Amino acid sequence: MPKTKSAQKAQRRAEKRRMRNKAIKSAVRTFLKKALSALAEKDKEKAQPAVREACRRLDKAVSKGVIHKNTASRLKSKLMKKLQELLSAN
C-alpha cells in the first residue's frame, strides 16, 4: 500500500484510467471482430456499416490515448482493403 496521500491518490487515478482503457480496448476488439466476420461472410450490407463503426471506434481510442495512432491506422487499412476487395468482386 502507498504510504503518502499523493501516492494513494496516484494509485486511485491509475486504477480509474486502467479500467477506462480496458473498456475502450474491449469495445474496439468487439467492433473489429464484428467487421471482420461481416467481411468474411461477404455480406456487403452488413460489412460497410460494421467497418465504418470499427474505424470510428479506433479513432476514438487513439484520441483518448488508449492505442497508438499507427496501430489504428494499420488496422483501418486492413479493414478498408478487405472491404474494397469485397465491393469490387461482383
PDB file of N, CA and C in Angstrom:
ATOM      1  N   MET A   1       0.836  -1.198   0.000  1.00  0.00           N
ATOM      2  CA  MET A   1       0.000   0.000   0.000  1.00  0.00           C
ATOM      3  C   MET A   1       0.874   1.252   0.000  1.00  0.00           C
ATOM      4  N   PRO A   2       0.426   2.278  -0.725  1.00  0.00           N
ATOM      5  CA  PRO A   2       1.174   3.528  -0.726  1.00  0.00           C
ATOM      6  C   PRO A   2       1.117   4.198   0.649  1.00  0.00           C
ATOM      7  N   LYS A   3       2.186   4.867   0.999  1.00  0.00           N
ATOM      8  CA  LYS A   3       2.245   5.498   2.317  1.00  0.00           C
ATOM      9  C   LYS A   3       1.721   6.927   2.302  1.00  0.00           C
ATOM     10  N   THR A   4       2.125   7.703   1.309  1.00  0.00           N
ATOM     11  CA  THR A   4       1.737   9.111   1.302  1.00  0.00           C
ATOM     12  C   THR A   4       0.373   9.299   0.641  1.00  0.00           C
ATOM     13  N   LYS A   5      -0.232  10.444   0.971  1.00  0.00           N
ATOM     14  CA  LYS A   5      -1.542  10.749   0.387  1.00  0.00           C
ATOM     15  C   LYS A   5      -1.459  10.897  -1.123  1.00  0.00           C
ATOM     16  N   SER A   6      -0.376  11.518  -1.591  1.00  0.00           N
ATOM     17  CA  SER A   6      -0.236  11.726  -3.031  1.00  0.00           C
ATOM     18  C   SER A   6      -0.070  10.394  -3.755  1.00  0.00           C
ATOM     19  N   ALA A   7       0.632   9.458  -3.137  1.00  0.00           N
ATOM     20  CA  ALA A   7       0.799   8.134  -3.747  1.00  0.00           C
ATOM     21  C   ALA A   7      -0.523   7.376  -3.757  1.00  0.00           C
ATOM     22  N   GLN A   8      -1.332   7.555  -2.709  1.00  0.00           N
ATOM     23  CA  GLN A   8      -2.647   6.911  -2.666  1.00  0.00           C
ATOM     24  C   GLN A   8      -3.544   7.460  -3.769  1.00  0.00           C
ATOM     25  N   LYS A   9      -3.493   8.773  -3.946  1.00  0.00           N
ATOM     26  CA  LYS A   9      -4.298   9.402  -4.988  1.00  0.00           C
ATOM     27  C   LYS A   9      -3.823   8.948  -6.371  1.00  0.00           C
ATOM     28  N   ALA A  10      -2.531   8.868  -6.552  1.00  0.00           N
ATOM     29  CA  ALA A  10      -1.982   8.412  -7.833  1.00  0.00           C
ATOM     30  C   ALA A  10      -2.439   6.989  -8.127  1.00  0.00           C
ATOM     31  N   GLN A  11      -2.496   6.160  -7.112  1.00  0.00           N
ATOM     32  CA  GLN A  11      -2.945   4.780  -7.293  1.00  0.00           C
ATOM     33  C   GLN A  11      -4.421   4.742  -7.690  1.00  0.00           C
ATOM     34  N   ARG A  12      -5.243   5.579  -7.055  1.00  0.00           N
ATOM     35  CA  ARG A  12      -6.664   5.634  -7.408  1.00  0.00           C
ATOM     36  C   ARG A  12      -6.846   6.091  -8.847  1.00  0.00           C
ATOM     37  N   ARG A  13      -6.094   7.112  -9.239  1.00  0.00           N
ATOM     38  CA  ARG A  13      -6.198   7.632 -10.599  1.00  0.00           C
ATOM     39  C   ARG A  13      -5.750   6.597 -11.624  1.00  0.00           C
ATOM     40  N   ALA A  14      -4.677   5.907 -11.303  1.00  0.00           N
ATOM     41  CA  ALA A  14      -4.169   4.888 -12.220  1.00  0.00           C
ATOM     42  C   ALA A  14      -5.188   3.765 -12.404  1.00  0.00           C
ATOM     43  N   GLU A  15      -5.863   3.403 -11.336  1.00  0.00           N
ATOM     44  CA  GLU A  15      -6.871   2.337 -11.426  1.00  0.00           C
ATOM     45  C   GLU A  15      -8.059   2.786 -12.273  1.00  0.00           C
ATOM     46  N   LYS A  16      -8.488   4.027 -12.112  1.00  0.00           N
ATOM     47  CA  LYS A  16      -9.591   4.555 -12.931  1.00  0.00           C
ATOM     48  C   LYS A  16      -9.209   4.549 -14.406  1.00  0.00           C
ATOM     49  N   ARG A  17      -7.996   5.005 -14.702  1.00  0.00           N
ATOM     50  CA  ARG A  17      -7.528   5.025 -16.092  1.00  0.00           C
ATOM     51  C   ARG A  17      -7.432   3.616 -16.660  1.00  0.00           C
ATOM     52  N   ARG A  18      -6.928   2.681 -15.839  1.00  0.00           N
ATOM     53  CA  ARG A  18      -6.793   1.307 -16.298  1.00  0.00           C
ATOM     54  C   ARG A  18      -8.150   0.722 -16.667  1.00  0.00           C
ATOM     55  N   MET A  19      -9.152   0.968 -15.839  1.00  0.00           N
ATOM     56  CA  MET A  19     -10.496   0.451 -16.108  1.00  0.00           C
ATOM     57  C   MET A  19     -11.094   1.098 -17.361  1.00  0.00           C
ATOM     58  N   ARG A  20     -10.876   2.407 -17.523  1.00  0.00           N
ATOM     59  CA  ARG A  20     -11.380   3.098 -18.715  1.00  0.00           C
ATOM     60  C   ARG A  20     -10.711   2.556 -19.975  1.00  0.00           C
ATOM     61  N   ASN A  21      -9.391   2.412 -19.920  1.00  0.00           N
ATOM     62  CA  ASN A  21      -8.651   1.908 -21.068  1.00  0.00           C
ATOM     63  C   ASN A  21      -9.069   0.485 -21.407  1.00  0.00           C
ATOM     64  N   LYS A  22      -9.298  -0.321 -20.391  1.00  0.00           N
ATOM     65  CA  LYS A  22      -9.719  -1.711 -20.593  1.00  0.00           C
ATOM     66  C   LYS A  22     -11.061  -1.757 -21.317  1.00  0.00           C
ATOM     67  N   ALA A  23     -11.990  -0.908 -20.907  1.00  0.00           N
ATOM     68  CA  ALA A  23     -13.317  -0.875 -21.535  1.00  0.00           C
ATOM     69  C   ALA A  23     -13.225  -0.430 -22.994  1.00  0.00           C
ATOM     70  N   ILE A  24     -12.407   0.572 -23.251  1.00  0.00           N
ATOM     71  CA  ILE A  24     -12.267   1.086 -24.620  1.00  0.00           C
ATOM     72  C   ILE A  24     -11.620   0.042 -25.516  1.00  0.00           C
ATOM     73  N   LYS A  25     -10.554  -0.602 -25.028  1.00  0.00           N
ATOM     74  CA  LYS A  25      -9.875  -1.638 -25.819  1.00  0.00           C
ATOM     75  C   LYS A  25     -10.808  -2.802 -26.105  1.00  0.00           C
ATOM     76  N   SER A  26     -11.604  -3.177 -25.121  1.00  0.00           N
ATOM     77  CA  SER A  26     -12.544  -4.277 -25.295  1.00  0.00           C
ATOM     78  C   SER A  26     -13.570  -3.941 -26.375  1.00  0.00           C
ATOM     79  N   ALA A  27     -14.074  -2.715 -26.344  1.00  0.00           N
ATOM     80  CA  ALA A  27     -15.055  -2.289 -27.342  1.00  0.00           C
ATOM     81  C   ALA A  27     -14.430  -2.279 -28.735  1.00  0.00           C
ATOM     82  N   VAL A  28     -13.205  -1.815 -28.831  1.00  0.00           N
ATOM     83  CA  VAL A  28     -12.513  -1.783 -30.131  1.00  0.00           C
ATOM     84  C   VAL A  28     -12.382  -3.197 -30.674  1.00  0.00           C
ATOM     85  N   ARG A  29     -11.945  -4.121 -29.820  1.00  0.00           N
ATOM     86  CA  ARG A  29     -11.792  -5.514 -30.263  1.00  0.00           C
ATOM     87  C   ARG A  29     -13.123  -6.111 -30.705  1.00  0.00           C
ATOM     88  N   THR A  30     -14.196  -5.798 -29.980  1.00  0.00           N
ATOM     89  CA  THR A  30     -15.517  -6.310 -30.329  1.00  0.00           C
ATOM     90  C   THR A  30     -15.944  -5.826 -31.713  1.00  0.00           C
ATOM     91  N   PHE A  31     -15.784  -4.529 -31.971  1.00  0.00           N
ATOM     92  CA  PHE A  31     -16.208  -3.983 -33.255  1.00  0.00           C
ATOM     93  C   PHE A  31     -15.311  -4.452 -34.390  1.00  0.00           C
ATOM     94  N   LEU A  32     -14.020  -4.666 -34.100  1.00  0.00           N
ATOM     95  CA  LEU A  32     -13.131  -5.234 -35.118  1.00  0.00           C
ATOM     96  C   LEU A  32     -13.576  -6.641 -35.498  1.00  0.00           C
ATOM     97  N   LYS A  33     -13.928  -7.438 -34.502  1.00  0.00           N
ATOM     98  CA  LYS A  33     -14.376  -8.806 -34.772  1.00  0.00           C
ATOM     99  C   LYS A  33     -15.668  -8.809 -35.580  1.00  0.00           C
ATOM    100  N   LYS A  34     -16.586  -7.901 -35.238  1.00  0.00           N
ATOM    101  CA  LYS A  34     -17.844  -7.810 -35.983  1.00  0.00           C
ATOM    102  C   LYS A  34     -17.589  -7.452 -37.447  1.00  0.00           C
ATOM    103  N   ALA A  35     -16.693  -6.494 -37.652  1.00  0.00           N
ATOM    104  CA  ALA A  35     -16.384  -6.054 -39.017  1.00  0.00           C
ATOM    105  C   ALA A  35     -15.697  -7.173 -39.797  1.00  0.00           C
ATOM    106  N   LEU A  36     -14.736  -7.833 -39.181  1.00  0.00           N
ATOM    107  CA  LEU A  36     -14.024  -8.909 -39.872  1.00  0.00           C
ATOM    108  C   LEU A  36     -14.937 -10.091 -40.184  1.00  0.00           C
ATOM    109  N   SER A  37     -15.865 -10.398 -39.274  1.00  0.00           N
ATOM    110  CA  SER A  37     -16.787 -11.508 -39.538  1.00  0.00           C
ATOM    111  C   SER A  37     -17.768 -11.141 -40.658  1.00  0.00           C
ATOM    112  N   ALA A  38     -18.205  -9.882 -40.693  1.00  0.00           N
ATOM    113  CA  ALA A  38     -19.099  -9.446 -41.778  1.00  0.00           C
ATOM    114  C   ALA A  38     -18.364  -9.500 -43.123  1.00  0.00           C
ATOM    115  N   LEU A  39     -17.085  -9.142 -43.118  1.00  0.00           N
ATOM    116  CA  LEU A  39     -16.294  -9.218 -44.343  1.00  0.00           C
ATOM    117  C   LEU A  39     -16.071 -10.672 -44.760  1.00  0.00           C
ATOM    118  N   ALA A  40     -15.875 -11.544 -43.782  1.00  0.00           N
ATOM    119  CA  ALA A  40     -15.659 -12.961 -44.080  1.00  0.00           C
ATOM    120  C   ALA A  40     -16.911 -13.607 -44.661  1.00  0.00           C
ATOM    121  N   GLU A  41     -18.076 -13.136 -44.223  1.00  0.00           N
ATOM    122  CA  GLU A  41     -19.347 -13.666 -44.735  1.00  0.00           C
ATOM    123  C   GLU A  41     -19.667 -13.125 -46.124  1.00  0.00           C
ATOM    124  N   LYS A  42     -18.898 -12.138 -46.571  1.00  0.00           N
ATOM    125  CA  LYS A  42     -19.088 -11.489 -47.869  1.00  0.00           C
ATOM    126  C   LYS A  42     -20.475 -10.834 -47.982  1.00  0.00           C
ATOM    127  N   ASP A  43     -20.913 -10.260 -46.868  1.00  0.00           N
ATOM    128  CA  ASP A  43     -22.197  -9.572 -46.818  1.00  0.00           C
ATOM    129  C   ASP A  43     -21.951  -8.065 -46.914  1.00  0.00           C
ATOM    130  N   LYS A  44     -22.197  -7.495 -48.098  1.00  0.00           N
ATOM    131  CA  LYS A  44     -21.896  -6.083 -48.331  1.00  0.00           C
ATOM    132  C   LYS A  44     -22.723  -5.158 -47.448  1.00  0.00           C
ATOM    133  N   GLU A  45     -24.000  -5.506 -47.245  1.00  0.00           N
ATOM    134  CA  GLU A  45     -24.887  -4.640 -46.468  1.00  0.00           C
ATOM    135  C   GLU A  45     -24.470  -4.578 -44.993  1.00  0.00           C
ATOM    136  N   LYS A  46     -23.960  -5.687 -44.467  1.00  0.00           N
ATOM    137  CA  LYS A  46     -23.509  -5.693 -43.077  1.00  0.00           C
ATOM    138  C   LYS A  46     -22.081  -5.178 -42.944  1.00  0.00           C
ATOM    139  N   ALA A  47     -21.266  -5.405 -43.960  1.00  0.00           N
ATOM    140  CA  ALA A  47     -19.839  -5.100 -43.859  1.00  0.00           C
ATOM    141  C   ALA A  47     -19.562  -3.594 -43.836  1.00  0.00           C
ATOM    142  N   GLN A  48     -20.234  -2.848 -44.691  1.00  0.00           N
ATOM    143  CA  GLN A  48     -19.941  -1.414 -44.776  1.00  0.00           C
ATOM    144  C   GLN A  48     -20.183  -0.675 -43.461  1.00  0.00           C
ATOM    145  N   PRO A  49     -21.362  -0.810 -42.842  1.00  0.00           N
ATOM    146  CA  PRO A  49     -21.545  -0.104 -41.561  1.00  0.00           C
ATOM    147  C   PRO A  49     -20.656  -0.656 -40.447  1.00  0.00           C
ATOM    148  N   ALA A  50     -20.359  -1.949 -40.495  1.00  0.00           N
ATOM    149  CA  ALA A  50     -19.509  -2.547 -39.466  1.00  0.00           C
ATOM    150  C   ALA A  50     -18.088  -1.996 -39.560  1.00  0.00           C
ATOM    151  N   VAL A  51     -17.581  -1.862 -40.779  1.00  0.00           N
ATOM    152  CA  VAL A  51     -16.230  -1.310 -40.974  1.00  0.00           C
ATOM    153  C   VAL A  51     -16.212   0.160 -40.576  1.00  0.00           C
ATOM    154  N   ARG A  52     -17.249   0.887 -40.931  1.00  0.00           N
ATOM    155  CA  ARG A  52     -17.321   2.309 -40.580  1.00  0.00           C
ATOM    156  C   ARG A  52     -17.300   2.491 -39.060  1.00  0.00           C
ATOM    157  N   GLU A  53     -18.076   1.674 -38.356  1.00  0.00           N
ATOM    158  CA  GLU A  53     -18.136   1.768 -36.893  1.00  0.00           C
ATOM    159  C   GLU A  53     -16.813   1.354 -36.259  1.00  0.00           C
ATOM    160  N   ALA A  54     -16.176   0.325 -36.801  1.00  0.00           N
ATOM    161  CA  ALA A  54     -14.878  -0.115 -36.270  1.00  0.00           C
ATOM    162  C   ALA A  54     -13.833   0.993 -36.443  1.00  0.00           C
ATOM    163  N   CYS A  55     -13.834   1.653 -37.584  1.00  0.00           N
ATOM    164  CA  CYS A  55     -12.889   2.751 -37.820  1.00  0.00           C
ATOM    165  C   CYS A  55     -13.161   3.904 -36.858  1.00  0.00           C
ATOM    166  N   ARG A  56     -14.422   4.165 -36.622  1.00  0.00           N
ATOM    167  CA  ARG A  56     -14.808   5.233 -35.701  1.00  0.00           C
ATOM    168  C   ARG A  56     -14.307   4.932 -34.292  1.00  0.00           C
ATOM    169  N   ARG A  57     -14.494   3.680 -33.860  1.00  0.00           N
ATOM    170  CA  ARG A  57     -14.041   3.284 -32.523  1.00  0.00           C
ATOM    171  C   ARG A  57     -12.517   3.340 -32.410  1.00  0.00           C
ATOM    172  N   LEU A  58     -11.824   2.954 -33.476  1.00  0.00           N
ATOM    173  CA  LEU A  58     -10.362   3.031 -33.471  1.00  0.00           C
ATOM    174  C   LEU A  58      -9.906   4.483 -33.327  1.00  0.00           C
ATOM    175  N   ASP A  59     -10.551   5.385 -34.065  1.00  0.00           N
ATOM    176  CA  ASP A  59     -10.185   6.802 -33.982  1.00  0.00           C
ATOM    177  C   ASP A  59     -10.430   7.356 -32.579  1.00  0.00           C
ATOM    178  N   LYS A  60     -11.523   6.944 -31.971  1.00  0.00           N
ATOM    179  CA  LYS A  60     -11.813   7.409 -30.618  1.00  0.00           C
ATOM    180  C   LYS A  60     -10.783   6.890 -29.620  1.00  0.00           C
ATOM    181  N   ALA A  61     -10.364   5.643 -29.791  1.00  0.00           N
ATOM    182  CA  ALA A  61      -9.358   5.066 -28.897  1.00  0.00           C
ATOM    183  C   ALA A  61      -8.028   5.812 -29.037  1.00  0.00           C
ATOM    184  N   VAL A  62      -7.703   6.215 -30.260  1.00  0.00           N
ATOM    185  CA  VAL A  62      -6.467   6.986 -30.480  1.00  0.00           C
ATOM    186  C   VAL A  62      -6.580   8.341 -29.805  1.00  0.00           C
ATOM    187  N   SER A  63      -7.730   9.003 -29.948  1.00  0.00           N
ATOM    188  CA  SER A  63      -7.894  10.336 -29.378  1.00  0.00           C
ATOM    189  C   SER A  63      -7.835  10.316 -27.857  1.00  0.00           C
ATOM    190  N   LYS A  64      -8.193   9.190 -27.255  1.00  0.00           N
ATOM    191  CA  LYS A  64      -8.134   9.061 -25.800  1.00  0.00           C
ATOM    192  C   LYS A  64      -6.793   8.524 -25.322  1.00  0.00           C
ATOM    193  N   GLY A  65      -5.901   8.213 -26.265  1.00  0.00           N
ATOM    194  CA  GLY A  65      -4.568   7.760 -25.899  1.00  0.00           C
ATOM    195  C   GLY A  65      -4.499   6.301 -25.483  1.00  0.00           C
ATOM    196  N   VAL A  66      -5.494   5.516 -25.862  1.00  0.00           N
ATOM    197  CA  VAL A  66      -5.535   4.111 -25.452  1.00  0.00           C
ATOM    198  C   VAL A  66      -4.676   3.253 -26.372  1.00  0.00           C
ATOM    199  N   ILE A  67      -4.733   3.539 -27.680  1.00  0.00           N
ATOM    200  CA  ILE A  67      -3.880   2.810 -28.623  1.00  0.00           C
ATOM    201  C   ILE A  67      -3.083   3.819 -29.442  1.00  0.00           C
ATOM    202  N   HIS A  68      -2.006   3.360 -30.029  1.00  0.00           N
ATOM    203  CA  HIS A  68      -1.135   4.228 -30.817  1.00  0.00           C
ATOM    204  C   HIS A  68      -1.777   4.512 -32.175  1.00  0.00           C
ATOM    205  N   LYS A  69      -1.523   5.689 -32.714  1.00  0.00           N
ATOM    206  CA  LYS A  69      -2.165   6.082 -33.974  1.00  0.00           C
ATOM    207  C   LYS A  69      -1.741   5.192 -35.134  1.00  0.00           C
ATOM    208  N   ASN A  70      -0.503   4.704 -35.120  1.00  0.00           N
ATOM    209  CA  ASN A  70      -0.056   3.833 -36.206  1.00  0.00           C
ATOM    210  C   ASN A  70      -0.745   2.468 -36.140  1.00  0.00           C
ATOM    211  N   THR A  71      -1.012   2.000 -34.945  1.00  0.00           N
ATOM    212  CA  THR A  71      -1.736   0.741 -34.783  1.00  0.00           C
ATOM    213  C   THR A  71      -3.139   0.869 -35.360  1.00  0.00           C
ATOM    214  N   ALA A  72      -3.805   1.960 -35.015  1.00  0.00           N
ATOM    215  CA  ALA A  72      -5.153   2.190 -35.530  1.00  0.00           C
ATOM    216  C   ALA A  72      -5.122   2.339 -37.049  1.00  0.00           C
ATOM    217  N   SER A  73      -4.144   3.037 -37.554  1.00  0.00           N
ATOM    218  CA  SER A  73      -4.027   3.242 -38.994  1.00  0.00           C
ATOM    219  C   SER A  73      -3.833   1.910 -39.705  1.00  0.00           C
ATOM    220  N   ARG A  74      -2.993   1.054 -39.144  1.00  0.00           N
ATOM    221  CA  ARG A  74      -2.746  -0.260 -39.743  1.00  0.00           C
ATOM    222  C   ARG A  74      -4.024  -1.107 -39.753  1.00  0.00           C
ATOM    223  N   LEU A  75      -4.762  -1.097 -38.652  1.00  0.00           N
ATOM    224  CA  LEU A  75      -5.993  -1.887 -38.576  1.00  0.00           C
ATOM    225  C   LEU A  75      -7.063  -1.338 -39.522  1.00  0.00           C
ATOM    226  N   LYS A  76      -7.174  -0.013 -39.608  1.00  0.00           N
ATOM    227  CA  LYS A  76      -8.139   0.594 -40.521  1.00  0.00           C
ATOM    228  C   LYS A  76      -7.794   0.268 -41.965  1.00  0.00           C
ATOM    229  N   SER A  77      -6.512   0.300 -42.289  1.00  0.00           N
ATOM    230  CA  SER A  77      -6.062  -0.016 -43.638  1.00  0.00           C
ATOM    231  C   SER A  77      -6.412  -1.458 -43.994  1.00  0.00           C
ATOM    232  N   LYS A  78      -6.206  -2.351 -43.052  1.00  0.00           N
ATOM    233  CA  LYS A  78      -6.527  -3.772 -43.249  1.00  0.00           C
ATOM    234  C   LYS A  78      -8.024  -3.946 -43.527  1.00  0.00           C
ATOM    235  N   LEU A  79      -8.858  -3.268 -42.736  1.00  0.00           N
ATOM    236  CA  LEU A  79     -10.306  -3.368 -42.922  1.00  0.00           C
ATOM    237  C   LEU A  79     -10.736  -2.797 -44.273  1.00  0.00           C
ATOM    238  N   MET A  80     -10.198  -1.635 -44.615  1.00  0.00           N
ATOM    239  CA  MET A  80     -10.599  -0.979 -45.855  1.00  0.00           C
ATOM    240  C   MET A  80     -10.158  -1.784 -47.074  1.00  0.00           C
ATOM    241  N   LYS A  81      -8.988  -2.403 -46.991  1.00  0.00           N
ATOM    242  CA  LYS A  81      -8.507  -3.219 -48.095  1.00  0.00           C
ATOM    243  C   LYS A  81      -9.448  -4.396 -48.325  1.00  0.00           C
ATOM    244  N   LYS A  82      -9.853  -5.053 -47.241  1.00  0.00           N
ATOM    245  CA  LYS A  82     -10.770  -6.186 -47.363  1.00  0.00           C
ATOM    246  C   LYS A  82     -12.137  -5.739 -47.869  1.00  0.00           C
ATOM    247  N   LEU A  83     -12.589  -4.576 -47.410  1.00  0.00           N
ATOM    248  CA  LEU A  83     -13.875  -4.051 -47.862  1.00  0.00           C
ATOM    249  C   LEU A  83     -13.835  -3.737 -49.350  1.00  0.00           C
ATOM    250  N   GLN A  84     -12.756  -3.120 -49.820  1.00  0.00           N
ATOM    251  CA  GLN A  84     -12.646  -2.815 -51.241  1.00  0.00           C
ATOM    252  C   GLN A  84     -12.600  -4.076 -52.099  1.00  0.00           C
ATOM    253  N   GLU A  85     -11.922  -5.107 -51.591  1.00  0.00           N
ATOM    254  CA  GLU A  85     -11.901  -6.387 -52.315  1.00  0.00           C
ATOM    255  C   GLU A  85     -13.307  -6.959 -52.434  1.00  0.00           C
ATOM    256  N   LEU A  86     -14.071  -6.840 -51.344  1.00  0.00           N
ATOM    257  CA  LEU A  86     -15.446  -7.349 -51.336  1.00  0.00           C
ATOM    258  C   LEU A  86     -16.320  -6.568 -52.310  1.00  0.00           C
ATOM    259  N   LEU A  87     -16.196  -5.244 -52.277  1.00  0.00           N
ATOM    260  CA  LEU A  87     -17.044  -4.402 -53.105  1.00  0.00           C
ATOM    261  C   LEU A  87     -16.690  -4.503 -54.591  1.00  0.00           C
ATOM    262  N   SER A  88     -15.423  -4.699 -54.894  1.00  0.00           N
ATOM    263  CA  SER A  88     -15.019  -4.778 -56.312  1.00  0.00           C
ATOM    264  C   SER A  88     -15.283  -6.145 -56.910  1.00  0.00           C
ATOM    265  N   ALA A  89     -15.398  -7.178 -56.092  1.00  0.00           N
ATOM    266  CA  ALA A  89     -15.673  -8.524 -56.598  1.00  0.00           C
ATOM    267  C   ALA A  89     -17.175  -8.688 -56.810  1.00  0.00           C
ATOM    268  N   ASN A  90     -17.608  -8.479 -58.028  1.00  0.00           N
ATOM    269  CA  ASN A  90     -19.051  -8.602 -58.312  1.00  0.00           C
ATOM    270  C   ASN A  90     -19.389  -9.936 -58.821  1.00  0.00           C
TER     271      ASN A  90
END
